[in-house]
Amino acid sequence: MDASQKTNTEWQGVLNFVNSFAANFNVNANCVRVAVIRYASTADVPITLTRYSDINSLQVGVRSLTLFFGSSNSNLATAFQILRSQVFASTFVRQGARLVAAIVTDKLSCTSAITTEAANVRNMGVVILGVGIQTTQLNFACLSQIVTPNQAVQVSAFSQLGSYVSQAVQFACVSQPAPAPAPAPSKYIVHEIYGKPFNSFCCDDF
C-alpha cells in the first residue's frame, strides 16, 4: 500500500479499496491470511499475517492506518524487500499456500532496484497484481512490467477505486494455480492469501 503523501480523501479511498478487496475472501487463521505493508521512502508492516483472524478485526485495523506524513517519495523496492524477508519469510509461510501480493499505488517509476526486487518476489512463486491510480507520477507501463503478466489495472481517480475491486479479486484468484507441495515439510501479507474468494476456494496468503 503506497502511503506516500496524499489528501485525506485520497487515503480513505485506498483504505476502503483494501477493505472491500479483503471482504471477498474467507479471512481466518486456517484459510485466507492478510498482511499489509505501508511504504513511502521507507516501509513497515503494521498488519502481519497472524495479527487478525477475522474480516471485521482486519477492516478495523486497516481503517486505523495512517500515511507516512511528510514523505512524498514512494520506494516500492523497500516494500518488496520487506515482503520477502518478513511477510513471506519461510518461517511464516504455510506449506502449499498460494502467495499473492497486491500493489495499490499512485506513484511509480521503474528503477533497477524495483525491477530486480519484483523479479525476486515473482521467483518465489508469488502472484503480483497491481492497481495504479492515474497521476502524473505513475508510470503504468512500469507497473505492468513488474506484476504477473496481465495483472495490472489503471484507475482514473482515487474515487473510482471501488469500481475495480472485482477485477482485482479476479486477478488474485485466477492468475496462477497454487504451488505444488514441497517434498519435505517447511514452515510457513501486504498480502499471503491461503485461499480463493469467499465461497470459491480455500486457502491462500496475501
Protein backbone atom coordinates (compact mmCIF):
# COMPACT_ATOMS: atom_id res chain seq x y z
CA MET A 1 0.00 0.00 0.00
CA ASP A 2 1.55 3.27 -1.17
CA ALA A 3 1.39 5.51 1.93
CA SER A 4 3.25 8.49 0.50
CA GLN A 5 1.75 11.99 0.63
CA LYS A 6 -1.93 12.22 -0.38
CA THR A 7 -5.02 14.08 0.71
CA ASN A 8 -7.11 12.52 3.48
CA THR A 9 -9.88 11.81 0.97
CA GLU A 10 -7.46 10.02 -1.35
CA TRP A 11 -6.04 7.94 1.52
CA GLN A 12 -9.52 6.94 2.64
CA GLY A 13 -10.18 5.77 -0.90
CA VAL A 14 -7.15 3.49 -0.70
CA LEU A 15 -8.17 2.10 2.71
CA ASN A 16 -11.74 1.49 1.52
CA PHE A 17 -10.42 -0.35 -1.53
CA VAL A 18 -8.22 -2.61 0.60
CA ASN A 19 -11.11 -3.42 2.94
CA SER A 20 -13.51 -4.12 0.08
CA PHE A 21 -10.93 -6.34 -1.59
CA ALA A 22 -10.30 -8.33 1.61
CA ALA A 23 -14.04 -8.75 2.20
CA ASN A 24 -14.20 -11.08 -0.82
CA PHE A 25 -12.13 -13.71 0.97
CA ASN A 26 -12.69 -16.06 3.88
CA VAL A 27 -10.30 -14.39 6.32
CA ASN A 28 -9.40 -16.67 9.21
CA ALA A 29 -6.33 -18.37 10.64
CA ASN A 30 -6.97 -21.57 8.68
CA CYS A 31 -7.87 -20.01 5.34
CA VAL A 32 -7.01 -16.57 3.96
CA ARG A 33 -4.45 -14.58 5.94
CA VAL A 34 -3.85 -10.93 5.10
CA ALA A 35 -0.93 -8.67 5.88
CA VAL A 36 -0.45 -5.02 4.97
CA ILE A 37 2.80 -3.30 4.06
CA ARG A 38 2.84 0.50 4.06
CA TYR A 39 5.58 2.15 2.06
CA ALA A 40 6.82 5.58 1.08
CA SER A 41 10.53 6.42 1.35
CA THR A 42 10.63 3.62 3.95
CA ALA A 43 8.31 0.71 4.66
CA ASP A 44 6.78 -1.18 7.58
CA VAL A 45 4.33 -3.99 8.30
CA PRO A 46 1.56 -2.58 10.52
CA ILE A 47 -0.56 -5.69 9.93
CA THR A 48 1.19 -9.07 9.93
CA LEU A 49 -0.25 -12.30 8.58
CA THR A 50 -1.11 -13.56 12.04
CA ARG A 51 -2.44 -10.34 13.58
CA TYR A 52 -6.12 -10.65 12.57
CA SER A 53 -8.11 -13.85 12.11
CA ASP A 54 -11.46 -12.41 11.00
CA ILE A 55 -12.55 -9.84 8.44
CA ASN A 56 -14.14 -7.42 10.92
CA SER A 57 -10.99 -7.06 13.01
CA LEU A 58 -8.87 -6.77 9.87
CA GLN A 59 -11.04 -3.99 8.49
CA VAL A 60 -10.85 -2.05 11.76
CA GLY A 61 -7.07 -2.42 11.66
CA VAL A 62 -6.88 -1.20 8.07
CA ARG A 63 -9.06 1.84 8.81
CA SER A 64 -6.62 2.84 11.58
CA LEU A 65 -3.63 3.06 9.23
CA THR A 66 -2.08 6.45 8.52
CA LEU A 67 0.15 7.94 5.87
CA PHE A 68 3.88 8.42 6.26
CA PHE A 69 3.40 12.15 6.81
CA GLY A 70 5.89 14.42 5.11
CA SER A 71 7.06 11.72 2.72
CA SER A 72 6.39 12.40 -0.96
CA ASN A 73 8.68 9.58 -2.12
CA SER A 74 7.41 6.12 -2.98
CA ASN A 75 10.03 3.36 -2.81
CA LEU A 76 8.40 0.11 -3.86
CA ALA A 77 11.74 -1.73 -3.78
CA THR A 78 11.82 -1.36 0.00
CA ALA A 79 8.32 -2.83 0.26
CA PHE A 80 9.32 -5.81 -1.89
CA GLN A 81 12.36 -6.41 0.33
CA ILE A 82 10.17 -6.47 3.44
CA LEU A 83 7.67 -8.73 1.69
CA ARG A 84 10.41 -11.29 1.02
CA SER A 85 12.31 -11.03 4.28
CA GLN A 86 9.45 -10.58 6.76
CA VAL A 87 5.93 -11.16 5.45
CA PHE A 88 6.61 -14.16 3.19
CA ALA A 89 9.62 -15.45 5.08
CA SER A 90 9.80 -19.26 5.17
CA THR A 91 9.09 -19.28 8.91
CA PHE A 92 5.67 -17.68 8.33
CA VAL A 93 4.51 -19.15 5.03
CA ARG A 94 2.32 -22.24 5.18
CA GLN A 95 3.29 -25.18 3.02
CA GLY A 96 1.18 -25.24 -0.14
CA ALA A 97 -0.21 -21.74 0.40
CA ARG A 98 -0.75 -19.62 -2.68
CA LEU A 99 1.02 -16.32 -2.19
CA VAL A 100 -0.43 -13.11 -3.61
CA ALA A 101 0.92 -9.56 -3.36
CA ALA A 102 -1.34 -6.66 -4.33
CA ILE A 103 0.16 -3.23 -5.05
CA VAL A 104 -2.00 -0.10 -4.75
CA THR A 105 -0.06 2.99 -5.83
CA ASP A 106 -0.29 6.43 -7.39
CA LYS A 107 3.48 6.96 -7.69
CA LEU A 108 5.83 4.65 -9.56
CA SER A 109 8.87 4.92 -11.80
CA CYS A 110 10.90 1.86 -12.65
CA THR A 111 14.44 1.62 -11.33
CA SER A 112 16.82 -1.32 -11.46
CA ALA A 113 16.21 -1.86 -7.73
CA ILE A 114 12.44 -2.10 -8.22
CA THR A 115 12.56 -4.41 -11.24
CA THR A 116 15.14 -6.64 -9.56
CA GLU A 117 13.14 -6.90 -6.33
CA ALA A 118 9.92 -7.57 -8.27
CA ALA A 119 11.65 -10.40 -10.14
CA ASN A 120 12.89 -11.81 -6.83
CA VAL A 121 9.33 -11.83 -5.48
CA ARG A 122 7.90 -13.45 -8.61
CA ASN A 123 10.65 -16.09 -8.50
CA MET A 124 9.34 -17.09 -5.06
CA GLY A 125 6.12 -18.11 -6.80
CA VAL A 126 4.24 -15.01 -5.62
CA VAL A 127 1.45 -13.69 -7.83
CA ILE A 128 1.81 -9.89 -8.05
CA LEU A 129 -1.17 -7.80 -9.07
CA GLY A 130 -1.18 -4.03 -9.45
CA VAL A 131 -3.76 -1.28 -9.14
CA GLY A 132 -2.44 2.08 -10.30
CA ILE A 133 -4.22 5.38 -9.74
CA GLN A 134 -3.63 7.65 -12.72
CA THR A 135 -1.47 10.65 -11.77
CA THR A 136 1.46 12.44 -13.35
CA GLN A 137 3.73 10.43 -11.03
CA LEU A 138 2.50 6.98 -12.07
CA ASN A 139 4.28 5.10 -14.85
CA PHE A 140 1.66 2.47 -15.66
CA ALA A 141 3.96 0.74 -18.15
CA CYS A 142 6.35 0.18 -15.27
CA LEU A 143 3.57 -1.27 -13.09
CA SER A 144 2.56 -3.61 -15.91
CA GLN A 145 6.18 -4.71 -16.26
CA ILE A 146 6.75 -5.70 -12.63
CA VAL A 147 3.49 -7.56 -11.91
CA THR A 148 2.47 -11.03 -13.04
CA PRO A 149 1.64 -10.73 -16.79
CA ASN A 150 -1.73 -9.09 -17.49
CA GLN A 151 -2.42 -8.49 -13.79
CA ALA A 152 -2.41 -4.67 -13.70
CA VAL A 153 -5.23 -2.17 -14.00
CA GLN A 154 -5.19 1.63 -14.13
CA VAL A 155 -7.86 3.62 -12.30
CA SER A 156 -8.67 7.15 -13.43
CA ALA A 157 -9.03 8.60 -9.92
CA PHE A 158 -8.96 7.59 -6.25
CA SER A 159 -12.74 7.95 -6.17
CA GLN A 160 -13.01 5.20 -8.80
CA LEU A 161 -11.07 2.55 -6.86
CA GLY A 162 -14.23 0.86 -5.62
CA SER A 163 -15.28 0.11 -9.20
CA TYR A 164 -12.20 -2.09 -9.68
CA VAL A 165 -12.44 -4.31 -6.60
CA SER A 166 -13.99 -7.20 -8.52
CA GLN A 167 -11.30 -7.09 -11.19
CA ALA A 168 -8.55 -7.11 -8.56
CA VAL A 169 -10.19 -10.10 -6.86
CA GLN A 170 -10.24 -11.93 -10.18
CA PHE A 171 -6.53 -11.21 -10.62
CA ALA A 172 -5.85 -12.69 -7.19
CA CYS A 173 -7.93 -15.79 -7.82
CA VAL A 174 -7.22 -16.96 -11.33
CA SER A 175 -3.79 -15.64 -12.27
CA GLN A 176 -1.87 -18.69 -11.14
CA PRO A 177 -2.59 -22.10 -9.58
CA ALA A 178 -1.45 -22.91 -6.08
CA PRO A 179 2.15 -24.16 -5.92
CA ALA A 180 2.72 -27.88 -5.58
CA PRO A 181 3.53 -29.05 -2.04
CA ALA A 182 7.23 -29.24 -1.27
CA PRO A 183 8.69 -32.74 -0.98
CA ALA A 184 9.81 -32.06 2.58
CA PRO A 185 7.92 -30.16 5.32
CA SER A 186 8.59 -26.44 5.60
CA LYS A 187 7.45 -23.71 7.92
CA TYR A 188 5.17 -21.23 6.78
CA ILE A 189 0.76 -10.13 3.51
CA VAL A 190 0.87 -6.89 2.10
CA HIS A 191 -0.55 -9.95 1.40
CA GLU A 192 -0.49 -14.04 1.99
CA ILE A 193 -3.81 -15.42 0.61
CA TYR A 194 -4.21 -19.01 1.56
CA GLY A 195 -7.41 -19.38 -0.33
CA LYS A 196 -9.79 -18.14 -3.01
CA PRO A 197 -12.74 -15.79 -2.98
CA PHE A 198 -15.31 -16.19 -0.28
CA ASN A 199 -17.50 -19.13 -1.46
CA SER A 200 -14.96 -20.23 -4.07
CA PHE A 201 -11.87 -21.76 -2.52
CA CYS A 202 -9.55 -22.01 0.44
CA CYS A 203 -6.89 -21.09 1.23
CA ASP A 204 -4.03 -18.60 0.40
CA ASP A 205 -1.95 -15.81 1.91
CA PHE A 206 -1.89 -12.07 0.99
